[in-house]
Amino acid sequence: MTDASPETLHAPITAADILAWLENAALAVAAGEVPADELIALLGELRQASTACANASDWALLAAREAGASLRQIAPVFGKGYVRAPAARLEKLHREVLSSEQFLELMRRRHQDV
């Protein structure tokens, strides 16, 4: 992503996007337009996407710390005003990687193995 600047760097999907999609999907399911096997396949896709979003979140946490953000600045995005949640997550991540670049390389290797 060569044109990513602070003005253009955004999550590729938002909670509002998901809610709008979910409302449309629920209508189709309620109308009987989606068979069970398609829903099972969809479930698999969503679980993979959820893992990918969690990985992107972990990368952003590492990158934010590397950019100088404090745990107190990061804490509100974890849903609480406490620094324990991001601190615990960082501690867990640091058992495996030391930087956002190492994390990204780990994700690349895992993706290749799939």
C-alpha atoms as a PDB file:
ATOM      1  CA  MET A   1       0.000   0.000   0.000  1.00  0.00           C
ATOM      2  CA  THR A   2       2.206   2.768  -1.266  1.00  0.00           C
ATOM      3  CA  ASP A   3      -0.245   5.636  -1.004  1.00  0.00           C
ATOM      4  CA  ALA A   4      -1.081   5.076   2.674  1.00  0.00           C
ATOM      5  CA  SER A   5      -0.692   8.302   4.552  1.00  0.00           C
ATOM      6  CA  PRO A   6      -2.169   9.293   7.909  1.00  0.00           C
ATOM      7  CA  GLU A   7      -5.102  10.825   6.006  1.00  0.00           C
ATOM      8  CA  THR A   8      -5.842   7.664   4.014  1.00  0.00           C
ATOM      9  CA  LEU A   9      -4.965   4.840   6.397  1.00  0.00           C
ATOM     10  CA  HIS A  10      -8.262   3.373   7.612  1.00  0.00           C
ATOM     11  CA  ALA A  11      -9.511  -0.071   8.476  1.00  0.00           C
ATOM     12  CA  PRO A  12     -10.610  -1.897   5.313  1.00  0.00           C
ATOM     13  CA  ILE A  13     -13.997  -2.568   6.876  1.00  0.00           C
ATOM     14  CA  THR A  14     -15.931  -0.908   9.670  1.00  0.00           C
ATOM     15  CA  ALA A  15     -18.490  -2.015  12.222  1.00  0.00           C
ATOM     16  CA  ALA A  16     -21.101  -0.019  10.263  1.00  0.00           C
ATOM     17  CA  ASP A  17     -20.179  -1.925   7.078  1.00  0.00           C
ATOM     18  CA  ILE A  18     -20.620  -5.222   8.899  1.00  0.00           C
ATOM     19  CA  LEU A  19     -23.960  -4.201  10.402  1.00  0.00           C
ATOM     20  CA  ALA A  20     -25.327  -3.102   7.006  1.00  0.00           C
ATOM     21  CA  TRP A  21     -24.167  -6.371   5.431  1.00  0.00           C
ATOM     22  CA  LEU A  22     -25.594  -8.374   8.329  1.00  0.00           C
ATOM     23  CA  GLU A  23     -29.004  -6.728   8.043  1.00  0.00           C
ATOM     24  CA  ASN A  24     -29.156  -7.582   4.320  1.00  0.00           C
ATOM     25  CA  ALA A  25     -27.932 -11.131   4.951  1.00  0.00           C
ATOM     26  CA  ALA A  26     -30.504 -11.635   7.705  1.00  0.00           C
ATOM     27  CA  LEU A  27     -33.287 -10.584   5.360  1.00  0.00           C
ATOM     28  CA  ALA A  28     -32.115 -13.068   2.721  1.00  0.00           C
ATOM     29  CA  VAL A  29     -31.887 -15.862   5.292  1.00  0.00           C
ATOM     30  CA  ALA A  30     -35.310 -15.031   6.730  1.00  0.00           C
ATOM     31  CA  ALA A  31     -36.759 -15.161   3.204  1.00  0.00           C
ATOM     32  CA  GLY A  32     -35.316 -18.652   2.765  1.00  0.00           C
ATOM     33  CA  GLU A  33     -32.944 -17.525   0.011  1.00  0.00           C
ATOM     34  CA  VAL A  34     -29.781 -18.959   1.589  1.00  0.00           C
ATOM     35  CA  PRO A  35     -29.427 -22.709   2.103  1.00  0.00           C
ATOM     36  CA  ALA A  36     -27.685 -24.182   5.152  1.00  0.00           C
ATOM     37  CA  ASP A  37     -24.577 -25.266   3.218  1.00  0.00           C
ATOM     38  CA  GLU A  38     -24.012 -21.670   2.074  1.00  0.00           C
ATOM     39  CA  LEU A  39     -24.427 -20.471   5.661  1.00  0.00           C
ATOM     40  CA  ILE A  40     -21.836 -22.997   6.826  1.00  0.00           C
ATOM     41  CA  ALA A  41     -19.407 -21.809   4.142  1.00  0.00           C
ATOM     42  CA  LEU A  42     -20.165 -18.224   5.170  1.00  0.00           C
ATOM     43  CA  LEU A  43     -19.439 -19.106   8.780  1.00  0.00           C
ATOM     44  CA  GLY A  44     -16.002 -20.350   7.763  1.00  0.00           C
ATOM     45  CA  GLU A  45     -15.297 -17.185   5.785  1.00  0.00           C
ATOM     46  CA  LEU A  46     -16.377 -14.988   8.685  1.00  0.00           C
ATOM     47  CA  ARG A  47     -14.218 -16.877  11.171  1.00  0.00           C
ATOM     48  CA  GLN A  48     -11.198 -16.468   8.884  1.00  0.00           C
ATOM     49  CA  ALA A  49     -11.977 -12.773   8.475  1.00  0.00           C
ATOM     50  CA  SER A  50     -12.350 -12.415  12.243  1.00  0.00           C
ATOM     51  CA  THR A  51      -8.900 -13.920  12.754  1.00  0.00           C
ATOM     52  CA  ALA A  52      -7.481 -11.603  10.098  1.00  0.00           C
ATOM     53  CA  CYS A  53      -9.038  -8.574  11.837  1.00  0.00           C
ATOM     54  CA  ALA A  54      -7.645  -9.682  15.192  1.00  0.00           C
ATOM     55  CA  ASN A  55      -4.206 -10.041  13.615  1.00  0.00           C
ATOM     56  CA  ALA A  56      -4.491  -6.570  12.066  1.00  0.00           C
ATOM     57  CA  SER A  57      -5.487  -5.212  15.467  1.00  0.00           C
ATOM     58  CA  ASP A  58      -2.435  -6.822  17.081  1.00  0.00           C
ATOM     59  CA  TRP A  59      -0.190  -5.377  14.394  1.00  0.00           C
ATOM     60  CA  ALA A  60      -1.685  -1.901  14.916  1.00  0.00           C
ATOM     61  CA  LEU A  61      -1.146  -2.212  18.676  1.00  0.00           C
ATOM     62  CA  LEU A  62       2.525  -3.050  18.169  1.00  0.00           C
ATOM     63  CA  ALA A  63       2.933  -0.292  15.581  1.00  0.00           C
ATOM     64  CA  ALA A  64       1.240   2.294  17.813  1.00  0.00           C
ATOM     65  CA  ARG A  65       3.609   1.498  20.677  1.00  0.00           C
ATOM     66  CA  GLU A  66       6.585   1.688  18.297  1.00  0.00           C
ATOM     67  CA  ALA A  67       5.309   5.085  17.139  1.00  0.00           C
ATOM     68  CA  GLY A  68       5.385   6.301  20.740  1.00  0.00           C
ATOM     69  CA  ALA A  69       1.790   5.834  21.912  1.00  0.00           C
ATOM     70  CA  SER A  70       1.416   5.232  25.631  1.00  0.00           C
ATOM     71  CA  LEU A  71      -0.715   2.485  27.135  1.00  0.00           C
ATOM     72  CA  ARG A  72      -2.980   5.194  28.551  1.00  0.00           C
ATOM     73  CA  GLN A  73      -3.556   6.524  25.028  1.00  0.00           C
ATOM     74  CA  ILE A  74      -4.254   3.038  23.682  1.00  0.00           C
ATOM     75  CA  ALA A  75      -6.468   1.808  26.549  1.00  0.00           C
ATOM     76  CA  PRO A  76      -9.735   3.501  25.444  1.00  0.00           C
ATOM     77  CA  VAL A  77      -9.882   1.517  22.193  1.00  0.00           C
ATOM     78  CA  PHE A  78      -9.939  -1.657  24.287  1.00  0.00           C
ATOM     79  CA  GLY A  79     -13.252  -0.506  25.716  1.00  0.00           C
ATOM     80  CA  LYS A  80     -12.051   0.303  29.191  1.00  0.00           C
ATOM     81  CA  GLY A  81     -10.051   3.069  30.747  1.00  0.00           C
ATOM     82  CA  TYR A  82      -7.552   0.621  32.169  1.00  0.00           C
ATOM     83  CA  VAL A  83      -4.129  -0.019  30.706  1.00  0.00           C
ATOM     84  CA  ARG A  84      -4.191  -3.678  31.767  1.00  0.00           C
ATOM     85  CA  ALA A  85      -5.887  -4.936  28.586  1.00  0.00           C
ATOM     86  CA  PRO A  86      -3.405  -3.503  26.060  1.00  0.00           C
ATOM     87  CA  ALA A  87      -0.491  -4.220  28.407  1.00  0.00           C
ATOM     88  CA  ALA A  88      -1.506  -7.866  28.706  1.00  0.00           C
ATOM     89  CA  ARG A  89      -1.963  -8.144  24.953  1.00  0.00           C
ATOM     90  CA  LEU A  90       1.449  -6.591  24.314  1.00  0.00           C
ATOM     91  CA  GLU A  91       3.047  -8.961  26.801  1.00  0.00           C
ATOM     92  CA  LYS A  92       1.492 -11.938  25.025  1.00  0.00           C
ATOM     93  CA  LEU A  93       2.554 -10.632  21.600  1.00  0.00           C
ATOM     94  CA  HIS A  94       6.099  -9.984  22.789  1.00  0.00           C
ATOM     95  CA  ARG A  95       6.444 -13.655  23.695  1.00  0.00           C
ATOM     96  CA  GLU A  96       6.287 -14.352  19.962  1.00  0.00           C
ATOM     97  CA  VAL A  97       7.563 -11.190  18.263  1.00  0.00           C
ATOM     98  CA  LEU A  98       9.353  -7.995  19.235  1.00  0.00           C
ATOM     99  CA  SER A  99       8.114  -5.603  16.584  1.00  0.00           C
ATOM    100  CA  SER A 100       5.265  -4.906  14.201  1.00  0.00           C
ATOM    101  CA  GLU A 101       7.540  -5.879  11.300  1.00  0.00           C
ATOM    102  CA  GLN A 102       8.293  -9.262  12.889  1.00  0.00           C
ATOM    103  CA  PHE A 103       4.562  -9.748  13.467  1.00  0.00           C
ATOM    104  CA  LEU A 104       3.811  -8.986   9.831  1.00  0.00           C
ATOM    105  CA  GLU A 105       6.479 -11.458   8.719  1.00  0.00           C
ATOM    106  CA  LEU A 106       4.970 -14.093  11.021  1.00  0.00           C
ATOM    107  CA  MET A 107       1.530 -13.475   9.485  1.00  0.00           C
ATOM    108  CA  ARG A 108       3.000 -13.808   5.984  1.00  0.00           C
ATOM    109  CA  ARG A 109       4.581 -17.163   6.889  1.00  0.00           C
ATOM    110  CA  ARG A 110       1.366 -18.440   8.468  1.00  0.00           C
ATOM    111  CA  HIS A 111      -0.640 -17.369   5.424  1.00  0.00           C
ATOM    112  CA  GLN A 112       1.739 -19.238   3.118  1.00  0.00           C
ATOM    113  CA  ASP A 113       1.347 -22.378   5.221  1.00  0.00           C
ATOM    114  CA  VAL A 114      -2.442 -22.364   4.852  1.00  0.00           C
END
